[in-house]
């Protein structure tokens, strides 16, 4: 007899913008199990746009998206300093658009700054 009955695919009701949600988990130790509440991290995609053009999609825990994008652009050598950035803002579209909150657009102060071109690795 199984300790736990099979359950359908797990789907959590996650409030918009939440970074974690409460959920019942089961811990096993020394042949016994205990159900308890725990916090599960939320992870959502974030599309980064530069001048309206998509340059990357990354997974992240929602919150502090602007800082994440600024750090990404710095690490990818798209910008060299904070003064290179004019605007970092969430996409604002129709309220029913599922991308709301998961897309950030960046405008740069210098149009000469661009995303580095990456060449595909040579075939072996």
N, C-alpha and C. Protein backbone atom coordinates (compact mmCIF):
# COMPACT_ATOMS: atom_id res chain seq x y z
N UNK A 1 0.85 -1.17 0.00
CA UNK A 1 0.00 0.00 0.00
C UNK A 1 0.90 1.25 0.00
N UNK A 2 0.72 2.13 -0.98
CA UNK A 2 1.59 3.31 -1.05
C UNK A 2 1.30 4.29 0.10
N UNK A 3 2.34 4.97 0.52
CA UNK A 3 2.17 5.96 1.58
C UNK A 3 1.33 7.14 1.12
N UNK A 4 1.52 7.50 -0.15
CA UNK A 4 0.80 8.65 -0.69
C UNK A 4 0.04 8.23 -1.93
N UNK A 5 -1.16 8.71 -2.06
CA UNK A 5 -1.94 8.42 -3.27
C UNK A 5 -1.40 9.25 -4.42
N UNK A 6 -1.43 8.71 -5.65
CA UNK A 6 -0.98 9.49 -6.80
C UNK A 6 -1.85 10.74 -6.96
N UNK A 7 -1.23 11.81 -7.40
CA UNK A 7 -1.96 13.07 -7.57
C UNK A 7 -1.82 13.52 -9.01
N UNK A 8 -2.80 14.28 -9.50
CA UNK A 8 -2.67 14.82 -10.85
C UNK A 8 -1.54 15.83 -10.90
N UNK A 9 -1.17 16.25 -12.10
CA UNK A 9 -0.08 17.21 -12.27
C UNK A 9 -0.29 18.41 -11.35
N UNK A 10 0.76 18.82 -10.69
CA UNK A 10 0.70 19.91 -9.72
C UNK A 10 0.54 21.25 -10.43
N UNK A 11 -0.49 21.97 -10.08
CA UNK A 11 -0.69 23.33 -10.57
C UNK A 11 -1.01 24.20 -9.38
N UNK A 12 -0.20 25.24 -9.19
CA UNK A 12 -0.40 26.14 -8.07
C UNK A 12 -1.02 27.43 -8.55
N UNK A 13 -1.87 28.00 -7.72
CA UNK A 13 -2.43 29.31 -8.01
C UNK A 13 -1.42 30.34 -7.50
N UNK A 14 -0.71 30.98 -8.44
CA UNK A 14 0.35 31.91 -8.08
C UNK A 14 -0.12 33.33 -8.33
N UNK A 15 -0.20 34.15 -7.28
CA UNK A 15 -0.57 35.56 -7.48
C UNK A 15 0.44 36.27 -8.36
N UNK A 16 -0.04 37.18 -9.19
CA UNK A 16 0.84 37.92 -10.10
C UNK A 16 1.93 38.65 -9.33
N UNK A 17 3.17 38.44 -9.76
CA UNK A 17 4.31 39.11 -9.14
C UNK A 17 4.83 38.46 -7.87
N UNK A 18 4.24 37.34 -7.46
CA UNK A 18 4.69 36.68 -6.23
C UNK A 18 6.06 36.04 -6.45
N UNK A 19 6.91 36.10 -5.44
CA UNK A 19 8.23 35.47 -5.55
C UNK A 19 8.24 34.09 -4.89
N UNK A 20 7.22 33.80 -4.08
CA UNK A 20 7.11 32.49 -3.44
C UNK A 20 5.64 32.23 -3.09
N UNK A 21 5.29 30.95 -2.99
CA UNK A 21 3.93 30.57 -2.60
C UNK A 21 4.01 29.46 -1.55
N UNK A 22 3.02 29.40 -0.67
CA UNK A 22 2.93 28.32 0.31
C UNK A 22 2.34 27.09 -0.34
N UNK A 23 2.86 25.94 0.06
CA UNK A 23 2.34 24.68 -0.46
C UNK A 23 2.67 23.57 0.53
N UNK A 24 1.80 22.57 0.60
CA UNK A 24 2.05 21.43 1.46
C UNK A 24 3.07 20.52 0.80
N UNK A 25 4.12 20.18 1.55
CA UNK A 25 5.14 19.24 1.08
C UNK A 25 5.19 18.09 2.07
N UNK A 26 5.77 16.98 1.65
CA UNK A 26 5.89 15.81 2.52
C UNK A 26 7.37 15.51 2.71
N UNK A 27 7.79 15.41 3.98
CA UNK A 27 9.17 15.06 4.33
C UNK A 27 9.21 13.60 4.76
N UNK A 28 10.25 12.89 4.33
CA UNK A 28 10.44 11.50 4.71
C UNK A 28 11.73 11.37 5.50
N UNK A 29 11.64 10.71 6.67
CA UNK A 29 12.82 10.47 7.48
C UNK A 29 12.57 9.24 8.34
N UNK A 30 13.55 8.35 8.34
CA UNK A 30 13.49 7.14 9.17
C UNK A 30 12.20 6.35 8.98
N UNK A 31 11.76 6.24 7.73
CA UNK A 31 10.57 5.44 7.43
C UNK A 31 9.25 6.11 7.73
N UNK A 32 9.25 7.35 8.16
CA UNK A 32 8.00 8.05 8.42
C UNK A 32 7.90 9.28 7.52
N UNK A 33 6.70 9.74 7.35
CA UNK A 33 6.51 10.94 6.54
C UNK A 33 5.67 11.96 7.33
N UNK A 34 5.97 13.23 7.06
CA UNK A 34 5.28 14.32 7.74
C UNK A 34 4.90 15.35 6.68
N UNK A 35 3.62 15.70 6.65
CA UNK A 35 3.16 16.77 5.75
C UNK A 35 3.31 18.10 6.49
N UNK A 36 3.86 19.09 5.78
CA UNK A 36 4.03 20.42 6.39
C UNK A 36 3.96 21.47 5.31
N UNK A 37 3.74 22.71 5.72
CA UNK A 37 3.72 23.84 4.79
C UNK A 37 5.15 24.31 4.55
N UNK A 38 5.42 24.68 3.30
CA UNK A 38 6.73 25.21 2.96
C UNK A 38 6.55 26.29 1.90
N UNK A 39 7.56 27.09 1.70
CA UNK A 39 7.54 28.14 0.68
C UNK A 39 8.25 27.62 -0.57
N UNK A 40 7.58 27.70 -1.71
CA UNK A 40 8.18 27.31 -2.98
C UNK A 40 8.49 28.57 -3.78
N UNK A 41 9.69 28.63 -4.31
CA UNK A 41 10.09 29.78 -5.13
C UNK A 41 9.33 29.76 -6.45
N UNK A 42 8.93 30.93 -6.89
CA UNK A 42 8.26 31.08 -8.18
C UNK A 42 9.33 31.44 -9.20
N UNK A 43 9.24 30.86 -10.38
CA UNK A 43 10.17 31.18 -11.44
C UNK A 43 9.37 31.46 -12.70
N UNK A 44 9.67 32.60 -13.34
CA UNK A 44 8.97 32.99 -14.56
C UNK A 44 9.98 33.48 -15.58
N UNK A 45 9.63 33.41 -16.87
CA UNK A 45 10.54 33.94 -17.89
C UNK A 45 10.53 35.46 -17.88
N UNK A 46 11.65 36.05 -18.27
CA UNK A 46 11.74 37.49 -18.45
C UNK A 46 12.39 37.73 -19.81
N UNK A 47 11.64 38.37 -20.70
CA UNK A 47 12.18 38.73 -22.01
C UNK A 47 12.81 40.11 -21.90
N UNK A 48 14.04 40.22 -22.37
CA UNK A 48 14.77 41.50 -22.36
C UNK A 48 14.79 42.03 -23.78
N UNK A 49 14.26 43.25 -23.95
CA UNK A 49 14.24 43.89 -25.26
C UNK A 49 15.13 45.12 -25.22
N UNK A 50 15.82 45.34 -26.31
CA UNK A 50 16.68 46.51 -26.46
C UNK A 50 16.12 47.31 -27.63
N UNK A 51 15.56 48.47 -27.32
CA UNK A 51 14.93 49.28 -28.37
C UNK A 51 13.77 48.55 -29.04
N UNK A 52 13.06 47.72 -28.28
CA UNK A 52 11.92 46.99 -28.80
C UNK A 52 12.25 45.65 -29.44
N UNK A 53 13.53 45.34 -29.61
CA UNK A 53 13.94 44.06 -30.22
C UNK A 53 14.39 43.09 -29.14
N UNK A 54 13.88 41.89 -29.21
CA UNK A 54 14.20 40.87 -28.22
C UNK A 54 15.67 40.47 -28.33
N UNK A 55 16.38 40.50 -27.19
CA UNK A 55 17.78 40.08 -27.19
C UNK A 55 18.03 38.86 -26.31
N UNK A 56 17.14 38.59 -25.35
CA UNK A 56 17.34 37.44 -24.47
C UNK A 56 16.07 37.13 -23.71
N UNK A 57 15.98 35.87 -23.29
CA UNK A 57 14.94 35.44 -22.35
C UNK A 57 15.67 34.67 -21.26
N UNK A 58 15.39 35.03 -20.02
CA UNK A 58 16.02 34.36 -18.88
C UNK A 58 14.93 33.98 -17.88
N UNK A 59 15.19 33.00 -17.06
CA UNK A 59 14.27 32.64 -16.00
C UNK A 59 14.71 33.36 -14.74
N UNK A 60 13.72 33.82 -13.98
CA UNK A 60 14.03 34.54 -12.75
C UNK A 60 12.87 34.46 -11.77
N UNK A 61 13.18 34.72 -10.49
CA UNK A 61 12.15 34.92 -9.49
C UNK A 61 11.71 36.37 -9.63
N UNK A 62 10.40 36.62 -9.83
CA UNK A 62 9.94 37.99 -10.04
C UNK A 62 10.37 38.94 -8.92
N UNK A 63 10.66 40.17 -9.34
CA UNK A 63 11.10 41.20 -8.40
C UNK A 63 12.48 41.70 -8.78
N UNK A 64 12.69 42.97 -8.67
CA UNK A 64 13.99 43.59 -8.98
C UNK A 64 14.40 43.33 -10.43
N UNK A 65 13.42 43.31 -11.33
CA UNK A 65 13.70 43.02 -12.73
C UNK A 65 14.60 44.07 -13.39
N UNK A 66 14.40 45.33 -13.04
CA UNK A 66 15.20 46.39 -13.65
C UNK A 66 16.68 46.21 -13.31
N UNK A 67 16.96 45.88 -12.06
CA UNK A 67 18.34 45.66 -11.64
C UNK A 67 18.94 44.44 -12.33
N UNK A 68 18.15 43.38 -12.46
CA UNK A 68 18.60 42.18 -13.14
C UNK A 68 18.97 42.50 -14.59
N UNK A 69 18.13 43.26 -15.27
CA UNK A 69 18.38 43.61 -16.67
C UNK A 69 19.62 44.49 -16.79
N UNK A 70 19.78 45.45 -15.91
CA UNK A 70 20.96 46.32 -15.95
C UNK A 70 22.23 45.48 -15.77
N UNK A 71 22.22 44.57 -14.84
CA UNK A 71 23.37 43.69 -14.62
C UNK A 71 23.63 42.79 -15.81
N UNK A 72 22.57 42.29 -16.42
CA UNK A 72 22.72 41.46 -17.62
C UNK A 72 23.38 42.25 -18.73
N UNK A 73 22.90 43.48 -18.97
CA UNK A 73 23.47 44.30 -20.05
C UNK A 73 24.92 44.66 -19.77
N UNK A 74 25.27 44.88 -18.52
CA UNK A 74 26.66 45.17 -18.16
C UNK A 74 27.53 43.94 -18.38
N UNK A 75 27.06 42.78 -17.93
CA UNK A 75 27.85 41.55 -18.06
C UNK A 75 28.03 41.12 -19.51
N UNK A 76 27.08 41.47 -20.35
CA UNK A 76 27.16 41.13 -21.78
C UNK A 76 27.87 42.23 -22.59
N UNK A 77 28.36 43.26 -21.89
CA UNK A 77 29.09 44.36 -22.49
C UNK A 77 28.26 45.17 -23.49
N UNK A 78 26.95 45.18 -23.26
CA UNK A 78 26.07 46.04 -24.05
C UNK A 78 26.21 47.47 -23.54
N UNK A 79 26.39 47.61 -22.21
CA UNK A 79 26.62 48.92 -21.60
C UNK A 79 27.91 48.85 -20.82
N UNK A 80 28.50 50.02 -20.56
CA UNK A 80 29.72 50.10 -19.76
C UNK A 80 29.48 50.77 -18.41
N UNK A 81 28.42 51.60 -18.34
CA UNK A 81 28.12 52.32 -17.11
C UNK A 81 26.64 52.64 -17.07
N UNK A 82 26.14 53.00 -15.90
CA UNK A 82 24.70 53.26 -15.75
C UNK A 82 24.24 54.42 -16.64
N UNK A 83 25.14 55.37 -16.92
CA UNK A 83 24.76 56.52 -17.76
C UNK A 83 24.46 56.11 -19.20
N UNK A 84 24.83 54.89 -19.60
CA UNK A 84 24.52 54.40 -20.95
C UNK A 84 23.04 54.09 -21.12
N UNK A 85 22.32 53.93 -20.00
CA UNK A 85 20.91 53.55 -20.02
C UNK A 85 20.03 54.78 -19.87
N UNK A 86 19.07 54.94 -20.79
CA UNK A 86 18.09 56.02 -20.69
C UNK A 86 16.89 55.54 -19.89
N UNK A 87 16.31 54.39 -20.29
CA UNK A 87 15.09 53.88 -19.66
C UNK A 87 15.15 52.35 -19.58
N UNK A 88 14.75 51.82 -18.44
CA UNK A 88 14.49 50.39 -18.27
C UNK A 88 13.08 50.32 -17.73
N UNK A 89 12.15 49.72 -18.50
CA UNK A 89 10.75 49.72 -18.07
C UNK A 89 10.04 48.44 -18.50
N UNK A 90 9.09 48.03 -17.67
CA UNK A 90 8.25 46.88 -18.03
C UNK A 90 7.38 47.22 -19.23
N UNK A 91 7.15 46.23 -20.07
CA UNK A 91 6.24 46.33 -21.22
C UNK A 91 4.85 46.67 -20.70
N UNK A 92 4.23 47.65 -21.31
CA UNK A 92 2.87 48.01 -20.93
C UNK A 92 1.97 47.82 -22.14
N UNK A 93 1.23 46.77 -22.12
CA UNK A 93 0.31 46.45 -23.21
C UNK A 93 -1.08 46.27 -22.65
N UNK A 94 -1.95 45.62 -23.43
CA UNK A 94 -3.31 45.37 -22.94
C UNK A 94 -3.30 44.57 -21.64
N UNK A 95 -4.24 44.85 -20.75
CA UNK A 95 -4.28 44.21 -19.44
C UNK A 95 -4.35 42.69 -19.50
N UNK A 96 -4.96 42.15 -20.57
CA UNK A 96 -5.10 40.70 -20.66
C UNK A 96 -3.90 40.03 -21.35
N UNK A 97 -2.88 40.80 -21.70
CA UNK A 97 -1.69 40.25 -22.36
C UNK A 97 -0.88 39.47 -21.32
N UNK A 98 -0.62 38.17 -21.55
CA UNK A 98 0.11 37.36 -20.57
C UNK A 98 1.57 37.80 -20.40
N UNK A 99 2.09 38.61 -21.32
CA UNK A 99 3.48 39.06 -21.21
C UNK A 99 3.65 40.20 -20.21
N UNK A 100 2.55 40.82 -19.79
CA UNK A 100 2.64 41.92 -18.83
C UNK A 100 3.42 41.43 -17.61
N UNK A 101 4.44 42.16 -17.23
CA UNK A 101 5.25 41.79 -16.08
C UNK A 101 6.42 40.88 -16.41
N UNK A 102 6.45 40.32 -17.62
CA UNK A 102 7.51 39.40 -18.00
C UNK A 102 8.32 39.89 -19.19
N UNK A 103 8.17 41.16 -19.54
CA UNK A 103 8.94 41.75 -20.64
C UNK A 103 9.46 43.10 -20.17
N UNK A 104 10.76 43.33 -20.37
CA UNK A 104 11.37 44.62 -20.05
C UNK A 104 11.98 45.18 -21.33
N UNK A 105 11.74 46.46 -21.58
CA UNK A 105 12.34 47.14 -22.73
C UNK A 105 13.36 48.15 -22.21
N UNK A 106 14.48 48.22 -22.90
CA UNK A 106 15.56 49.13 -22.52
C UNK A 106 15.84 50.08 -23.67
N UNK A 107 15.95 51.37 -23.35
CA UNK A 107 16.38 52.37 -24.31
C UNK A 107 17.72 52.89 -23.84
N UNK A 108 18.66 52.96 -24.77
CA UNK A 108 20.01 53.42 -24.44
C UNK A 108 20.20 54.87 -24.82
N UNK A 109 21.09 55.56 -24.13
CA UNK A 109 21.39 56.95 -24.43
C UNK A 109 22.20 57.10 -25.70
N UNK A 110 23.03 56.12 -26.00
CA UNK A 110 23.87 56.20 -27.19
C UNK A 110 23.43 55.17 -28.20
N UNK A 111 22.96 55.60 -29.38
CA UNK A 111 22.51 54.63 -30.37
C UNK A 111 23.64 53.77 -30.90
N UNK A 112 24.89 54.18 -30.65
CA UNK A 112 26.03 53.40 -31.12
C UNK A 112 26.25 52.12 -30.33
N UNK A 113 25.67 52.04 -29.11
CA UNK A 113 25.81 50.84 -28.31
C UNK A 113 24.92 49.75 -28.88
N UNK A 114 25.44 48.56 -28.97
CA UNK A 114 24.67 47.47 -29.58
C UNK A 114 24.99 46.16 -28.90
N UNK A 115 24.16 45.18 -29.15
CA UNK A 115 24.38 43.85 -28.61
C UNK A 115 25.54 43.21 -29.35
N UNK A 116 26.52 42.69 -28.61
CA UNK A 116 27.65 42.04 -29.28
C UNK A 116 27.17 40.89 -30.15
N UNK A 117 27.75 40.78 -31.32
CA UNK A 117 27.39 39.72 -32.26
C UNK A 117 28.17 38.46 -31.88
N UNK A 118 27.48 37.40 -31.66
CA UNK A 118 28.15 36.14 -31.32
C UNK A 118 28.13 35.24 -32.55
N UNK A 119 29.28 34.73 -32.85
CA UNK A 119 29.40 33.83 -34.00
C UNK A 119 29.22 32.40 -33.50
N UNK A 120 28.55 31.57 -34.32
CA UNK A 120 28.40 30.17 -33.90
C UNK A 120 29.75 29.48 -33.84
N UNK A 121 29.88 28.55 -32.92
CA UNK A 121 31.13 27.79 -32.80
C UNK A 121 31.34 26.96 -34.06
N UNK A 122 32.58 26.81 -34.49
CA UNK A 122 32.85 26.01 -35.70
C UNK A 122 32.45 24.55 -35.48
N UNK A 123 31.97 23.94 -36.53
CA UNK A 123 31.57 22.52 -36.45
C UNK A 123 32.80 21.67 -36.28
N UNK A 124 32.68 20.65 -35.46
CA UNK A 124 33.82 19.75 -35.23
C UNK A 124 33.74 18.56 -36.10
